[in-house]
Amino acid sequence: MLRFSNVLVSLTILFILLTNLVYSNTVVNRTETLEIEHSEPPLSEFSAKFQDATFSVQEEQTVIAKVKVVNNKRDGYILTLHTRYGVLTPSGTSDGEVTIPYKLDYTQGNIFDQPGDNNGTFQTLLIPETPPTNPVRILGVASLITAESSLLSEPTEIMFNLRVGVPKRDEFIRMAGTYSDTITLTYEDF
């Protein structure tokens, strides 16, 4: 009886081994394909809401515009500023009017996010104090970015108040005359 049991156990083990051998050599080909994606809509917004630029004796600086720029494109954009005369120019001189120098500056709004230096290609917000008569880049890149190493990696979302200050306003503020200049902001998305 012992012999029969040994043979039965041996046959069972042999059967298990053969079954494992047959099924373990069976090749199963199976492919799983996963798709990954990222999508972000392009944003390119610019607005400049100009305000009445009447000077007063009490106000050292006058807000003349509320400016907003939003851009998340990697190849860049540019915001330039220039003026017609660079000074407040009188409409006439019959009452002794002369040009009046003024200065520009800005105050930060409630949203302020802009790319960093980006290998020296990105100009963070910089308003020239002396009003330029030729276009000057105040924000963004000088031209379309094509080099992959220079592409922007952070979006811009910025609001600021453009201000004008007249250093010697108390010398002319109540004197006769009409003075003006034109300030132009130009936004270009590349």
C-alpha atoms as a PDB file:
ATOM      1  CA  MET A   1       0.000   0.000   0.000  1.00  0.00           C
ATOM      2  CA  LEU A   2       2.838   2.269   0.773  1.00  0.00           C
ATOM      3  CA  ARG A   3       4.219   1.650  -2.636  1.00  0.00           C
ATOM      4  CA  PHE A   4       0.921   2.582  -4.296  1.00  0.00           C
ATOM      5  CA  SER A   5       0.760   5.808  -2.337  1.00  0.00           C
ATOM      6  CA  ASN A   6       4.318   6.747  -3.325  1.00  0.00           C
ATOM      7  CA  VAL A   7       3.496   6.143  -6.955  1.00  0.00           C
ATOM      8  CA  LEU A   8       0.309   8.193  -6.664  1.00  0.00           C
ATOM      9  CA  VAL A   9       2.145  11.115  -5.030  1.00  0.00           C
ATOM     10  CA  SER A  10       4.911  10.914  -7.646  1.00  0.00           C
ATOM     11  CA  LEU A  11       2.396  10.970 -10.490  1.00  0.00           C
ATOM     12  CA  THR A  12       0.573  13.933  -8.965  1.00  0.00           C
ATOM     13  CA  ILE A  13       3.804  15.899  -8.630  1.00  0.00           C
ATOM     14  CA  LEU A  14       4.781  14.983 -12.182  1.00  0.00           C
ATOM     15  CA  PHE A  15       1.374  16.106 -13.465  1.00  0.00           C
ATOM     16  CA  ILE A  16       1.649  19.451 -11.630  1.00  0.00           C
ATOM     17  CA  LEU A  17       5.145  20.054 -12.994  1.00  0.00           C
ATOM     18  CA  LEU A  18       4.126  19.242 -16.558  1.00  0.00           C
ATOM     19  CA  THR A  19       1.073  21.498 -16.311  1.00  0.00           C
ATOM     20  CA  ASN A  20       3.198  24.403 -15.066  1.00  0.00           C
ATOM     21  CA  LEU A  21       5.736  23.805 -17.793  1.00  0.00           C
ATOM     22  CA  VAL A  22       3.117  23.816 -20.553  1.00  0.00           C
ATOM     23  CA  TYR A  23       1.305  26.918 -19.331  1.00  0.00           C
ATOM     24  CA  SER A  24       4.402  28.878 -18.343  1.00  0.00           C
ATOM     25  CA  ASN A  25       5.831  28.571 -21.876  1.00  0.00           C
ATOM     26  CA  THR A  26       2.664  29.944 -23.424  1.00  0.00           C
ATOM     27  CA  VAL A  27       3.437  33.469 -24.687  1.00  0.00           C
ATOM     28  CA  VAL A  28       0.709  36.011 -24.145  1.00  0.00           C
ATOM     29  CA  ASN A  29       0.983  39.280 -26.066  1.00  0.00           C
ATOM     30  CA  ARG A  30      -0.973  42.113 -24.597  1.00  0.00           C
ATOM     31  CA  THR A  31      -0.585  45.840 -25.221  1.00  0.00           C
ATOM     32  CA  GLU A  32      -2.143  48.646 -23.248  1.00  0.00           C
ATOM     33  CA  THR A  33      -2.063  52.179 -24.689  1.00  0.00           C
ATOM     34  CA  LEU A  34      -2.515  55.170 -22.443  1.00  0.00           C
ATOM     35  CA  GLU A  35      -2.946  58.677 -23.770  1.00  0.00           C
ATOM     36  CA  ILE A  36      -1.853  61.637 -21.702  1.00  0.00           C
ATOM     37  CA  GLU A  37      -2.620  65.227 -22.560  1.00  0.00           C
ATOM     38  CA  HIS A  38      -2.537  68.754 -21.236  1.00  0.00           C
ATOM     39  CA  SER A  39      -4.632  71.602 -22.520  1.00  0.00           C
ATOM     40  CA  GLU A  40      -4.570  75.267 -21.538  1.00  0.00           C
ATOM     41  CA  PRO A  41      -6.386  77.863 -23.641  1.00  0.00           C
ATOM     42  CA  PRO A  42      -4.234  80.730 -24.926  1.00  0.00           C
ATOM     43  CA  LEU A  43      -4.753  84.075 -23.204  1.00  0.00           C
ATOM     44  CA  SER A  44      -3.828  87.425 -24.679  1.00  0.00           C
ATOM     45  CA  GLU A  45      -5.566  90.449 -23.172  1.00  0.00           C
ATOM     46  CA  PHE A  46      -4.668  94.112 -23.028  1.00  0.00           C
ATOM     47  CA  SER A  47      -6.682  97.048 -21.799  1.00  0.00           C
ATOM     48  CA  ALA A  48      -5.832 100.625 -20.916  1.00  0.00           C
ATOM     49  CA  LYS A  49      -8.620 102.625 -19.355  1.00  0.00           C
ATOM     50  CA  PHE A  50      -7.569 106.239 -19.624  1.00  0.00           C
ATOM     51  CA  GLN A  51      -8.794 108.662 -17.006  1.00  0.00           C
ATOM     52  CA  ASP A  52      -9.140 112.415 -16.830  1.00  0.00           C
ATOM     53  CA  ALA A  53      -5.645 113.839 -16.360  1.00  0.00           C
ATOM     54  CA  THR A  54      -6.470 117.113 -14.666  1.00  0.00           C
ATOM     55  CA  PHE A  55      -3.722 118.300 -12.346  1.00  0.00           C
ATOM     56  CA  SER A  56      -4.330 119.869  -8.966  1.00  0.00           C
ATOM     57  CA  VAL A  57      -2.181 121.649  -6.406  1.00  0.00           C
ATOM     58  CA  GLN A  58      -2.904 118.948  -3.808  1.00  0.00           C
ATOM     59  CA  GLU A  59      -2.093 115.889  -5.943  1.00  0.00           C
ATOM     60  CA  GLU A  60       1.594 115.226  -6.566  1.00  0.00           C
ATOM     61  CA  GLN A  61       0.857 112.355  -8.970  1.00  0.00           C
ATOM     62  CA  THR A  62      -2.193 111.916 -11.193  1.00  0.00           C
ATOM     63  CA  VAL A  63      -3.351 108.485 -12.336  1.00  0.00           C
ATOM     64  CA  ILE A  64      -3.972 108.731 -16.074  1.00  0.00           C
ATOM     65  CA  ALA A  65      -4.632 105.066 -16.945  1.00  0.00           C
ATOM     66  CA  LYS A  66      -5.407 101.692 -15.436  1.00  0.00           C
ATOM     67  CA  VAL A  67      -3.545  99.098 -17.505  1.00  0.00           C
ATOM     68  CA  LYS A  68      -4.037  95.325 -17.593  1.00  0.00           C
ATOM     69  CA  VAL A  69      -1.989  92.707 -19.459  1.00  0.00           C
ATOM     70  CA  VAL A  70      -2.704  88.960 -19.409  1.00  0.00           C
ATOM     71  CA  ASN A  71      -0.662  86.599 -21.582  1.00  0.00           C
ATOM     72  CA  ASN A  72       0.244  82.917 -21.256  1.00  0.00           C
ATOM     73  CA  LYS A  73       1.847  82.319 -24.652  1.00  0.00           C
ATOM     74  CA  ARG A  74       5.403  81.020 -24.653  1.00  0.00           C
ATOM     75  CA  ASP A  75       6.643  82.943 -27.709  1.00  0.00           C
ATOM     76  CA  GLY A  76       6.157  86.349 -26.083  1.00  0.00           C
ATOM     77  CA  TYR A  77       4.548  89.745 -26.444  1.00  0.00           C
ATOM     78  CA  ILE A  78       5.626  93.374 -26.148  1.00  0.00           C
ATOM     79  CA  LEU A  79       4.123  96.472 -24.530  1.00  0.00           C
ATOM     80  CA  THR A  80       5.632  99.785 -25.610  1.00  0.00           C
ATOM     81  CA  LEU A  81       5.067 103.380 -24.523  1.00  0.00           C
ATOM     82  CA  HIS A  82       5.805 106.643 -26.277  1.00  0.00           C
ATOM     83  CA  THR A  83       4.615 110.237 -26.195  1.00  0.00           C
ATOM     84  CA  ARG A  84       4.072 112.838 -28.862  1.00  0.00           C
ATOM     85  CA  TYR A  85       6.126 115.673 -27.310  1.00  0.00           C
ATOM     86  CA  GLY A  86       7.573 114.343 -24.040  1.00  0.00           C
ATOM     87  CA  VAL A  87       6.405 117.549 -22.310  1.00  0.00           C
ATOM     88  CA  LEU A  88       3.079 119.268 -21.760  1.00  0.00           C
ATOM     89  CA  THR A  89       2.905 121.559 -24.758  1.00  0.00           C
ATOM     90  CA  PRO A  90       0.810 124.745 -24.756  1.00  0.00           C
ATOM     91  CA  SER A  91      -1.830 125.250 -27.437  1.00  0.00           C
ATOM     92  CA  GLY A  92      -0.569 128.822 -27.822  1.00  0.00           C
ATOM     93  CA  THR A  93       1.875 131.303 -26.329  1.00  0.00           C
ATOM     94  CA  SER A  94      -0.139 134.540 -26.337  1.00  0.00           C
ATOM     95  CA  ASP A  95      -0.301 134.587 -22.533  1.00  0.00           C
ATOM     96  CA  GLY A  96       3.306 133.578 -21.916  1.00  0.00           C
ATOM     97  CA  GLU A  97       2.761 129.824 -21.920  1.00  0.00           C
ATOM     98  CA  VAL A  98       5.829 127.556 -22.169  1.00  0.00           C
ATOM     99  CA  THR A  99       6.243 123.784 -22.203  1.00  0.00           C
ATOM    100  CA  ILE A 100       5.933 122.034 -18.845  1.00  0.00           C
ATOM    101  CA  PRO A 101       8.084 118.981 -18.132  1.00  0.00           C
ATOM    102  CA  TYR A 102       6.427 115.990 -16.501  1.00  0.00           C
ATOM    103  CA  LYS A 103       7.488 112.577 -15.225  1.00  0.00           C
ATOM    104  CA  LEU A 104       5.962 109.121 -15.554  1.00  0.00           C
ATOM    105  CA  ASP A 105       5.725 106.341 -12.998  1.00  0.00           C
ATOM    106  CA  TYR A 106       3.326 103.599 -11.936  1.00  0.00           C
ATOM    107  CA  THR A 107       1.758 101.938  -8.954  1.00  0.00           C
ATOM    108  CA  GLN A 108       1.137  98.239  -8.748  1.00  0.00           C
ATOM    109  CA  GLY A 109      -2.458  97.036  -8.987  1.00  0.00           C
ATOM    110  CA  ASN A 110      -3.999  94.114  -7.119  1.00  0.00           C
ATOM    111  CA  ILE A 111      -2.709  91.425  -9.516  1.00  0.00           C
ATOM    112  CA  PHE A 112       0.999  91.242 -10.190  1.00  0.00           C
ATOM    113  CA  ASP A 113       2.554  88.162 -11.788  1.00  0.00           C
ATOM    114  CA  GLN A 114       5.091  88.275 -14.579  1.00  0.00           C
ATOM    115  CA  PRO A 115       7.888  86.041 -15.840  1.00  0.00           C
ATOM    116  CA  GLY A 116      11.352  86.538 -14.444  1.00  0.00           C
ATOM    117  CA  ASP A 117      14.422  87.599 -16.393  1.00  0.00           C
ATOM    118  CA  ASN A 118      14.215  84.522 -18.715  1.00  0.00           C
ATOM    119  CA  ASN A 119      17.845  84.548 -19.892  1.00  0.00           C
ATOM    120  CA  GLY A 120      17.796  88.316 -20.313  1.00  0.00           C
ATOM    121  CA  THR A 121      15.031  88.307 -22.925  1.00  0.00           C
ATOM    122  CA  PHE A 122      12.031  89.365 -20.794  1.00  0.00           C
ATOM    123  CA  GLN A 123      11.659  92.981 -19.677  1.00  0.00           C
ATOM    124  CA  THR A 124       9.752  93.168 -16.388  1.00  0.00           C
ATOM    125  CA  LEU A 125       7.564  96.252 -15.996  1.00  0.00           C
ATOM    126  CA  LEU A 126       9.723  99.351 -16.203  1.00  0.00           C
ATOM    127  CA  ILE A 127       8.212 102.779 -16.896  1.00  0.00           C
ATOM    128  CA  PRO A 128      10.766 105.419 -17.938  1.00  0.00           C
ATOM    129  CA  GLU A 129      10.609 108.495 -15.725  1.00  0.00           C
ATOM    130  CA  THR A 130      11.330 110.826 -18.650  1.00  0.00           C
ATOM    131  CA  PRO A 131       8.563 110.511 -21.249  1.00  0.00           C
ATOM    132  CA  PRO A 132      10.058 109.002 -24.430  1.00  0.00           C
ATOM    133  CA  THR A 133       9.107 110.318 -27.865  1.00  0.00           C
ATOM    134  CA  ASN A 134      10.088 107.030 -29.537  1.00  0.00           C
ATOM    135  CA  PRO A 135       8.532 103.675 -28.595  1.00  0.00           C
ATOM    136  CA  VAL A 136      10.227 102.087 -25.574  1.00  0.00           C
ATOM    137  CA  ARG A 137       9.588  98.514 -24.431  1.00  0.00           C
ATOM    138  CA  ILE A 138       8.132  98.674 -20.923  1.00  0.00           C
ATOM    139  CA  LEU A 139       7.079  95.006 -20.614  1.00  0.00           C
ATOM    140  CA  GLY A 140       7.677  91.771 -22.515  1.00  0.00           C
ATOM    141  CA  VAL A 141      10.208  90.661 -25.106  1.00  0.00           C
ATOM    142  CA  ALA A 142      11.752  92.610 -27.960  1.00  0.00           C
ATOM    143  CA  SER A 143      10.725  90.129 -30.665  1.00  0.00           C
ATOM    144  CA  LEU A 144       9.203  86.723 -31.277  1.00  0.00           C
ATOM    145  CA  ILE A 145      10.970  84.030 -29.239  1.00  0.00           C
ATOM    146  CA  THR A 146      11.968  81.093 -31.437  1.00  0.00           C
ATOM    147  CA  ALA A 147      14.759  79.441 -29.423  1.00  0.00           C
ATOM    148  CA  GLU A 148      13.338  76.669 -27.253  1.00  0.00           C
ATOM    149  CA  SER A 149      15.726  77.548 -24.416  1.00  0.00           C
ATOM    150  CA  SER A 150      14.303  81.088 -24.263  1.00  0.00           C
ATOM    151  CA  LEU A 151      10.564  80.323 -24.411  1.00  0.00           C
ATOM    152  CA  LEU A 152       8.601  81.843 -21.545  1.00  0.00           C
ATOM    153  CA  SER A 153       7.651  79.448 -18.760  1.00  0.00           C
ATOM    154  CA  GLU A 154       5.460  81.690 -16.598  1.00  0.00           C
ATOM    155  CA  PRO A 155       2.315  83.623 -17.571  1.00  0.00           C
ATOM    156  CA  THR A 156       1.861  87.355 -17.161  1.00  0.00           C
ATOM    157  CA  GLU A 157      -1.080  88.749 -15.273  1.00  0.00           C
ATOM    158  CA  ILE A 158      -0.460  92.330 -14.310  1.00  0.00           C
ATOM    159  CA  MET A 159      -2.468  95.437 -13.498  1.00  0.00           C
ATOM    160  CA  PHE A 160      -0.884  98.802 -12.845  1.00  0.00           C
ATOM    161  CA  ASN A 161      -1.803 102.475 -12.687  1.00  0.00           C
ATOM    162  CA  LEU A 162       0.159 104.728 -15.027  1.00  0.00           C
ATOM    163  CA  ARG A 163       0.778 108.073 -13.337  1.00  0.00           C
ATOM    164  CA  VAL A 164       1.985 111.501 -14.369  1.00  0.00           C
ATOM    165  CA  GLY A 165       3.689 113.934 -12.036  1.00  0.00           C
ATOM    166  CA  VAL A 166       4.526 117.561 -12.673  1.00  0.00           C
ATOM    167  CA  PRO A 167       7.474 118.637 -10.488  1.00  0.00           C
ATOM    168  CA  LYS A 168       6.705 122.395 -10.448  1.00  0.00           C
ATOM    169  CA  ARG A 169       2.924 122.245 -10.782  1.00  0.00           C
ATOM    170  CA  ASP A 170       2.378 125.051  -8.239  1.00  0.00           C
ATOM    171  CA  GLU A 171       4.133 127.444 -10.663  1.00  0.00           C
ATOM    172  CA  PHE A 172       1.559 126.976 -13.436  1.00  0.00           C
ATOM    173  CA  ILE A 173      -1.535 125.233 -12.062  1.00  0.00           C
ATOM    174  CA  ARG A 174      -3.598 128.420 -11.697  1.00  0.00           C
ATOM    175  CA  MET A 175      -2.055 130.279 -14.628  1.00  0.00           C
ATOM    176  CA  ALA A 176      -3.783 130.686 -18.001  1.00  0.00           C
ATOM    177  CA  GLY A 177      -3.113 128.161 -20.725  1.00  0.00           C
ATOM    178  CA  THR A 178      -4.105 124.847 -22.223  1.00  0.00           C
ATOM    179  CA  TYR A 179      -1.418 122.168 -22.272  1.00  0.00           C
ATOM    180  CA  SER A 180      -1.402 118.660 -23.660  1.00  0.00           C
ATOM    181  CA  ASP A 181       0.634 115.668 -24.751  1.00  0.00           C
ATOM    182  CA  THR A 182      -0.346 112.276 -26.124  1.00  0.00           C
ATOM    183  CA  ILE A 183       0.777 109.047 -24.472  1.00  0.00           C
ATOM    184  CA  THR A 184       0.490 105.876 -26.549  1.00  0.00           C
ATOM    185  CA  LEU A 185       0.615 102.324 -25.213  1.00  0.00           C
ATOM    186  CA  THR A 186       0.953  99.610 -27.868  1.00  0.00           C
ATOM    187  CA  TYR A 187       0.519  95.881 -27.147  1.00  0.00           C
ATOM    188  CA  GLU A 188       1.619  93.251 -29.651  1.00  0.00           C
ATOM    189  CA  ASP A 189       1.193  89.495 -29.168  1.00  0.00           C
ATOM    190  CA  PHE A 190       3.733  87.601 -31.262  1.00  0.00           C
END
